[in-house]
Amino acid sequence: MERRGLEPTKRVAYFEYDFSVDGGAIGDIPLRGDSLPEGAVVTGGMVHVKTTCTGGASATVSLKVESAADVMAATAMAGMVTNALLDVEPDGTAANAIRTTQNGRQVVATIATAALTAGKFVVALEYL
């Protein structure tokens, strides 16, 4: 049987944000780390906050691979405390999976409403 579209092995890609390296200005910040191949199907994952994220009073972070907030919806700083584990949108269902359309896709953090002033987190995405 020829397999097209889905690989038989689940993999994990890791991406990191660190304020001391990446800054925290409002806008898009590509995260450092692995990349996702074209046609990868992201099925799950999590965000591990290594250092509490802080910022202006209303600062939020969302995460995307293909389209706005497809990995994580806008999250306020109150939820991004040291050692927090945060859910991602892909939850093992086809309806919430993300299929990459280009080789080398990375996670992009979108900082909105106020700049970040500190923080570090790692995004782990499971994909086929």
N, C-alpha and C. Protein backbone atom coordinates (compact mmCIF):
# COMPACT_ATOMS: atom_id res chain seq x y z
N MET A 1 0.84 -1.18 0.00
CA MET A 1 0.00 0.00 0.00
C MET A 1 0.89 1.24 0.00
N GLU A 2 0.60 2.14 -0.90
CA GLU A 2 1.35 3.38 -0.96
C GLU A 2 0.76 4.38 0.02
N ARG A 3 1.63 5.02 0.80
CA ARG A 3 1.16 6.01 1.78
C ARG A 3 1.40 7.40 1.20
N ARG A 4 0.35 8.15 1.10
CA ARG A 4 0.46 9.53 0.63
C ARG A 4 -0.23 10.45 1.63
N GLY A 5 0.45 11.50 2.02
CA GLY A 5 -0.18 12.50 2.87
C GLY A 5 0.06 12.32 4.36
N LEU A 6 0.13 11.09 4.83
CA LEU A 6 0.37 10.87 6.25
C LEU A 6 1.54 9.92 6.42
N GLU A 7 2.48 10.30 7.24
CA GLU A 7 3.61 9.45 7.55
C GLU A 7 3.21 8.52 8.69
N PRO A 8 3.80 7.31 8.76
CA PRO A 8 3.42 6.35 9.80
C PRO A 8 3.98 6.68 11.18
N THR A 9 4.85 7.67 11.29
CA THR A 9 5.50 7.98 12.55
C THR A 9 5.16 9.39 13.00
N LYS A 10 4.73 9.53 14.25
CA LYS A 10 4.47 10.86 14.80
C LYS A 10 5.81 11.46 15.22
N ARG A 11 5.98 12.72 14.93
CA ARG A 11 7.21 13.44 15.28
C ARG A 11 6.85 14.64 16.15
N VAL A 12 7.88 15.23 16.77
CA VAL A 12 7.67 16.42 17.59
C VAL A 12 8.67 17.48 17.14
N ALA A 13 8.17 18.69 16.91
CA ALA A 13 9.02 19.84 16.57
C ALA A 13 8.96 20.82 17.75
N TYR A 14 10.11 21.41 18.07
CA TYR A 14 10.21 22.32 19.21
C TYR A 14 10.59 23.72 18.73
N PHE A 15 9.95 24.72 19.33
CA PHE A 15 10.19 26.12 19.00
C PHE A 15 10.29 26.90 20.30
N GLU A 16 11.17 27.92 20.33
CA GLU A 16 11.40 28.65 21.58
C GLU A 16 11.27 30.15 21.40
N TYR A 17 10.66 30.79 22.39
CA TYR A 17 10.65 32.24 22.52
C TYR A 17 11.38 32.60 23.79
N ASP A 18 12.28 33.59 23.72
CA ASP A 18 13.01 34.08 24.89
C ASP A 18 13.12 35.59 24.74
N PHE A 19 12.50 36.33 25.65
CA PHE A 19 12.51 37.78 25.57
C PHE A 19 13.92 38.33 25.44
N SER A 20 14.88 37.75 26.18
CA SER A 20 16.25 38.28 26.17
C SER A 20 16.93 38.14 24.80
N VAL A 21 16.41 37.25 23.95
CA VAL A 21 16.96 37.05 22.60
C VAL A 21 16.05 37.67 21.54
N ASP A 22 14.75 37.48 21.69
CA ASP A 22 13.79 37.82 20.64
C ASP A 22 13.10 39.17 20.81
N GLY A 23 13.24 39.79 21.98
CA GLY A 23 12.53 41.04 22.23
C GLY A 23 11.06 40.78 22.47
N GLY A 24 10.27 41.85 22.59
CA GLY A 24 8.85 41.67 22.89
C GLY A 24 7.96 42.71 22.26
N ALA A 25 8.41 43.32 21.16
CA ALA A 25 7.62 44.36 20.50
C ALA A 25 6.30 43.81 19.96
N ILE A 26 5.30 44.65 19.89
CA ILE A 26 4.03 44.27 19.28
C ILE A 26 4.28 43.87 17.83
N GLY A 27 3.67 42.76 17.42
CA GLY A 27 3.83 42.27 16.06
C GLY A 27 4.18 40.79 16.05
N ASP A 28 4.66 40.31 14.90
CA ASP A 28 4.99 38.90 14.72
C ASP A 28 6.47 38.64 15.01
N ILE A 29 6.73 37.57 15.78
CA ILE A 29 8.09 37.15 16.10
C ILE A 29 8.22 35.68 15.74
N PRO A 30 8.99 35.35 14.67
CA PRO A 30 9.22 33.93 14.35
C PRO A 30 10.01 33.27 15.49
N LEU A 31 9.55 32.11 15.93
CA LEU A 31 10.25 31.42 17.02
C LEU A 31 11.42 30.63 16.47
N ARG A 32 12.43 30.50 17.29
CA ARG A 32 13.64 29.75 16.92
C ARG A 32 13.43 28.27 17.18
N GLY A 33 14.12 27.42 16.40
CA GLY A 33 14.04 25.98 16.63
C GLY A 33 13.85 25.21 15.36
N ASP A 34 13.07 24.14 15.46
CA ASP A 34 12.82 23.26 14.32
C ASP A 34 11.97 23.95 13.26
N SER A 35 11.71 23.24 12.19
CA SER A 35 10.75 23.69 11.18
C SER A 35 9.89 22.50 10.80
N LEU A 36 8.74 22.80 10.24
CA LEU A 36 7.79 21.76 9.82
C LEU A 36 7.87 21.58 8.31
N PRO A 37 7.87 20.34 7.83
CA PRO A 37 7.94 20.12 6.38
C PRO A 37 6.59 20.40 5.71
N GLU A 38 6.64 20.63 4.41
CA GLU A 38 5.41 20.80 3.64
C GLU A 38 4.55 19.55 3.77
N GLY A 39 3.27 19.73 3.99
CA GLY A 39 2.34 18.61 4.11
C GLY A 39 2.26 17.99 5.49
N ALA A 40 3.02 18.52 6.45
CA ALA A 40 2.93 18.00 7.82
C ALA A 40 1.53 18.26 8.36
N VAL A 41 1.02 17.32 9.15
CA VAL A 41 -0.28 17.50 9.79
C VAL A 41 -0.05 17.61 11.30
N VAL A 42 -0.21 18.82 11.83
CA VAL A 42 -0.03 19.05 13.26
C VAL A 42 -1.28 18.56 13.98
N THR A 43 -1.08 17.60 14.89
CA THR A 43 -2.20 16.95 15.56
C THR A 43 -2.34 17.30 17.04
N GLY A 44 -1.32 17.89 17.63
CA GLY A 44 -1.38 18.21 19.05
C GLY A 44 -0.12 18.88 19.51
N GLY A 45 -0.02 19.05 20.82
CA GLY A 45 1.17 19.66 21.40
C GLY A 45 0.84 20.41 22.67
N MET A 46 1.78 21.25 23.09
CA MET A 46 1.58 22.08 24.27
C MET A 46 2.61 23.19 24.30
N VAL A 47 2.35 24.16 25.15
CA VAL A 47 3.28 25.26 25.39
C VAL A 47 3.74 25.13 26.84
N HIS A 48 5.06 25.11 27.05
CA HIS A 48 5.62 25.05 28.40
C HIS A 48 6.26 26.40 28.69
N VAL A 49 5.72 27.12 29.66
CA VAL A 49 6.27 28.41 30.05
C VAL A 49 7.45 28.16 30.97
N LYS A 50 8.64 28.56 30.54
CA LYS A 50 9.86 28.36 31.33
C LYS A 50 10.09 29.51 32.31
N THR A 51 9.78 30.74 31.88
CA THR A 51 9.91 31.93 32.72
C THR A 51 8.65 32.76 32.53
N THR A 52 8.06 33.23 33.61
CA THR A 52 6.82 34.01 33.54
C THR A 52 6.92 35.12 32.50
N CYS A 53 5.89 35.21 31.66
CA CYS A 53 5.81 36.27 30.66
C CYS A 53 5.13 37.48 31.28
N THR A 54 5.73 38.64 31.10
CA THR A 54 5.15 39.88 31.60
C THR A 54 5.12 40.89 30.47
N GLY A 55 4.27 41.88 30.63
CA GLY A 55 4.16 42.92 29.61
C GLY A 55 3.22 44.00 30.07
N GLY A 56 2.87 44.87 29.14
CA GLY A 56 1.90 45.91 29.44
C GLY A 56 0.61 45.31 29.96
N ALA A 57 -0.23 46.13 30.55
CA ALA A 57 -1.44 45.67 31.25
C ALA A 57 -2.31 44.73 30.45
N SER A 58 -2.39 44.91 29.14
CA SER A 58 -3.30 44.10 28.34
C SER A 58 -2.57 43.21 27.32
N ALA A 59 -1.28 42.99 27.50
CA ALA A 59 -0.49 42.23 26.52
C ALA A 59 -1.03 40.81 26.35
N THR A 60 -1.05 40.34 25.11
CA THR A 60 -1.44 38.96 24.80
C THR A 60 -0.45 38.35 23.83
N VAL A 61 -0.41 37.02 23.84
CA VAL A 61 0.41 36.26 22.89
C VAL A 61 -0.50 35.23 22.22
N SER A 62 -0.46 35.17 20.90
CA SER A 62 -1.10 34.08 20.18
C SER A 62 -0.03 33.42 19.32
N LEU A 63 -0.29 32.18 18.89
CA LEU A 63 0.70 31.43 18.12
C LEU A 63 0.07 30.91 16.84
N LYS A 64 0.84 30.96 15.75
CA LYS A 64 0.33 30.49 14.47
C LYS A 64 1.40 29.76 13.67
N VAL A 65 0.93 28.88 12.78
CA VAL A 65 1.79 28.23 11.79
C VAL A 65 1.32 28.63 10.40
N GLU A 66 0.04 28.45 10.11
CA GLU A 66 -0.52 28.76 8.79
C GLU A 66 -1.41 30.00 8.81
N SER A 67 -2.21 30.16 9.83
CA SER A 67 -3.13 31.30 9.89
C SER A 67 -3.27 31.78 11.33
N ALA A 68 -3.80 32.98 11.48
CA ALA A 68 -3.87 33.63 12.79
C ALA A 68 -4.40 32.70 13.88
N ALA A 69 -3.64 32.57 14.96
CA ALA A 69 -4.04 31.84 16.17
C ALA A 69 -4.41 30.38 15.92
N ASP A 70 -3.88 29.75 14.86
CA ASP A 70 -4.24 28.35 14.62
C ASP A 70 -3.56 27.39 15.59
N VAL A 71 -2.50 27.85 16.28
CA VAL A 71 -1.84 27.02 17.29
C VAL A 71 -2.36 27.36 18.68
N MET A 72 -2.44 28.66 19.02
CA MET A 72 -2.94 29.08 20.33
C MET A 72 -3.63 30.43 20.20
N ALA A 73 -4.84 30.52 20.72
CA ALA A 73 -5.58 31.78 20.71
C ALA A 73 -4.88 32.79 21.62
N ALA A 74 -5.21 34.06 21.45
CA ALA A 74 -4.61 35.11 22.27
C ALA A 74 -4.75 34.78 23.75
N THR A 75 -3.62 34.79 24.44
CA THR A 75 -3.55 34.41 25.85
C THR A 75 -2.97 35.56 26.65
N ALA A 76 -3.64 35.94 27.72
CA ALA A 76 -3.18 37.04 28.58
C ALA A 76 -1.99 36.58 29.42
N MET A 77 -1.22 37.54 29.88
CA MET A 77 -0.02 37.24 30.67
C MET A 77 -0.34 36.51 31.96
N ALA A 78 -1.51 36.69 32.53
CA ALA A 78 -1.88 36.02 33.78
C ALA A 78 -1.80 34.51 33.66
N GLY A 79 -2.00 33.97 32.46
CA GLY A 79 -1.95 32.53 32.26
C GLY A 79 -0.58 32.01 31.88
N MET A 80 0.38 32.92 31.68
CA MET A 80 1.70 32.49 31.21
C MET A 80 2.74 32.63 32.33
N VAL A 81 2.55 31.81 33.37
CA VAL A 81 3.44 31.84 34.53
C VAL A 81 4.41 30.67 34.49
N THR A 82 5.53 30.80 35.19
CA THR A 82 6.57 29.77 35.20
C THR A 82 5.99 28.38 35.45
N ASN A 83 6.38 27.44 34.63
CA ASN A 83 6.00 26.02 34.67
C ASN A 83 4.56 25.74 34.24
N ALA A 84 3.84 26.74 33.74
CA ALA A 84 2.49 26.49 33.21
C ALA A 84 2.61 25.64 31.94
N LEU A 85 1.67 24.72 31.77
CA LEU A 85 1.53 23.95 30.53
C LEU A 85 0.22 24.38 29.90
N LEU A 86 0.29 24.91 28.69
CA LEU A 86 -0.88 25.45 28.01
C LEU A 86 -1.27 24.57 26.83
N ASP A 87 -2.56 24.40 26.64
CA ASP A 87 -3.07 23.63 25.50
C ASP A 87 -2.86 24.39 24.20
N VAL A 88 -2.77 23.63 23.11
CA VAL A 88 -2.77 24.21 21.77
C VAL A 88 -4.09 23.86 21.10
N GLU A 89 -4.41 24.54 20.01
CA GLU A 89 -5.67 24.31 19.31
C GLU A 89 -5.76 22.91 18.70
N PRO A 90 -4.72 22.41 18.00
CA PRO A 90 -4.81 21.03 17.48
C PRO A 90 -4.95 20.06 18.66
N ASP A 91 -6.02 19.27 18.64
CA ASP A 91 -6.33 18.41 19.79
C ASP A 91 -6.54 16.95 19.41
N GLY A 92 -5.94 16.54 18.31
CA GLY A 92 -6.08 15.14 17.90
C GLY A 92 -7.25 14.89 16.98
N THR A 93 -8.05 15.92 16.70
CA THR A 93 -9.17 15.76 15.79
C THR A 93 -8.83 16.37 14.43
N ALA A 94 -9.43 15.84 13.39
CA ALA A 94 -9.20 16.37 12.05
C ALA A 94 -9.66 17.82 11.94
N ALA A 95 -10.74 18.16 12.62
CA ALA A 95 -11.29 19.52 12.54
C ALA A 95 -10.31 20.58 13.03
N ASN A 96 -9.44 20.23 13.98
CA ASN A 96 -8.52 21.20 14.56
C ASN A 96 -7.07 20.99 14.15
N ALA A 97 -6.81 20.04 13.27
CA ALA A 97 -5.44 19.80 12.79
C ALA A 97 -5.02 20.93 11.85
N ILE A 98 -3.71 21.10 11.71
CA ILE A 98 -3.15 22.10 10.81
C ILE A 98 -2.29 21.37 9.78
N ARG A 99 -2.54 21.59 8.49
CA ARG A 99 -1.69 21.02 7.44
C ARG A 99 -0.83 22.15 6.89
N THR A 100 0.49 21.94 6.91
CA THR A 100 1.40 22.97 6.40
C THR A 100 1.38 22.99 4.88
N THR A 101 1.50 24.19 4.31
CA THR A 101 1.43 24.35 2.86
C THR A 101 2.78 24.64 2.22
N GLN A 102 3.81 24.86 3.05
CA GLN A 102 5.15 25.12 2.54
C GLN A 102 6.17 24.43 3.43
N ASN A 103 7.31 24.08 2.84
CA ASN A 103 8.40 23.49 3.61
C ASN A 103 9.02 24.57 4.50
N GLY A 104 9.47 24.17 5.68
CA GLY A 104 10.18 25.09 6.56
C GLY A 104 9.29 25.98 7.42
N ARG A 105 8.04 25.62 7.59
CA ARG A 105 7.15 26.42 8.43
C ARG A 105 7.64 26.44 9.87
N GLN A 106 7.52 27.61 10.50
CA GLN A 106 7.87 27.78 11.90
C GLN A 106 6.65 28.32 12.65
N VAL A 107 6.70 28.22 13.95
CA VAL A 107 5.68 28.86 14.77
C VAL A 107 6.02 30.35 14.86
N VAL A 108 5.01 31.18 14.76
CA VAL A 108 5.17 32.62 14.88
C VAL A 108 4.33 33.09 16.06
N ALA A 109 4.96 33.84 16.97
CA ALA A 109 4.24 34.44 18.10
C ALA A 109 3.75 35.81 17.67
N THR A 110 2.49 36.09 17.93
CA THR A 110 1.94 37.42 17.66
C THR A 110 1.69 38.11 18.99
N ILE A 111 2.44 39.19 19.22
CA ILE A 111 2.30 39.98 20.44
C ILE A 111 1.30 41.09 20.12
N ALA A 112 0.27 41.24 20.95
CA ALA A 112 -0.76 42.24 20.65
C ALA A 112 -1.11 43.08 21.87
N THR A 113 -1.64 44.22 21.61
CA THR A 113 -2.18 45.23 22.53
C THR A 113 -1.15 45.91 23.43
N ALA A 114 -0.08 45.23 23.80
CA ALA A 114 1.02 45.84 24.56
C ALA A 114 2.25 44.95 24.42
N ALA A 115 3.43 45.56 24.50
CA ALA A 115 4.68 44.81 24.34
C ALA A 115 4.95 43.92 25.55
N LEU A 116 5.71 42.84 25.32
CA LEU A 116 6.19 42.00 26.42
C LEU A 116 7.45 42.61 26.99
N THR A 117 7.70 42.35 28.28
CA THR A 117 8.89 42.87 28.94
C THR A 117 9.76 41.76 29.52
N ALA A 118 9.27 40.52 29.50
CA ALA A 118 10.04 39.38 30.00
C ALA A 118 9.31 38.11 29.60
N GLY A 119 10.03 36.98 29.68
CA GLY A 119 9.40 35.68 29.49
C GLY A 119 10.16 34.75 28.58
N LYS A 120 9.86 33.47 28.75
CA LYS A 120 10.46 32.43 27.92
C LYS A 120 9.49 31.26 27.89
N PHE A 121 9.24 30.71 26.69
CA PHE A 121 8.40 29.52 26.57
C PHE A 121 8.85 28.66 25.40
N VAL A 122 8.50 27.37 25.50
CA VAL A 122 8.81 26.40 24.46
C VAL A 122 7.49 25.83 23.95
N VAL A 123 7.37 25.76 22.63
CA VAL A 123 6.20 25.17 21.98
C VAL A 123 6.62 23.82 21.42
N ALA A 124 5.91 22.77 21.79
CA ALA A 124 6.14 21.42 21.25
C ALA A 124 4.92 21.04 20.43
N LEU A 125 5.12 20.75 19.14
CA LEU A 125 4.02 20.37 18.26
C LEU A 125 4.23 18.96 17.74
N GLU A 126 3.23 18.11 17.93
CA GLU A 126 3.26 16.75 17.39
C GLU A 126 2.71 16.80 15.97
N TYR A 127 3.37 16.10 15.06
CA TYR A 127 2.88 16.10 13.68
C TYR A 127 3.15 14.77 13.00
N LEU A 128 2.35 14.51 11.97
CA LEU A 128 2.50 13.33 11.13
C LEU A 128 3.15 13.75 9.83
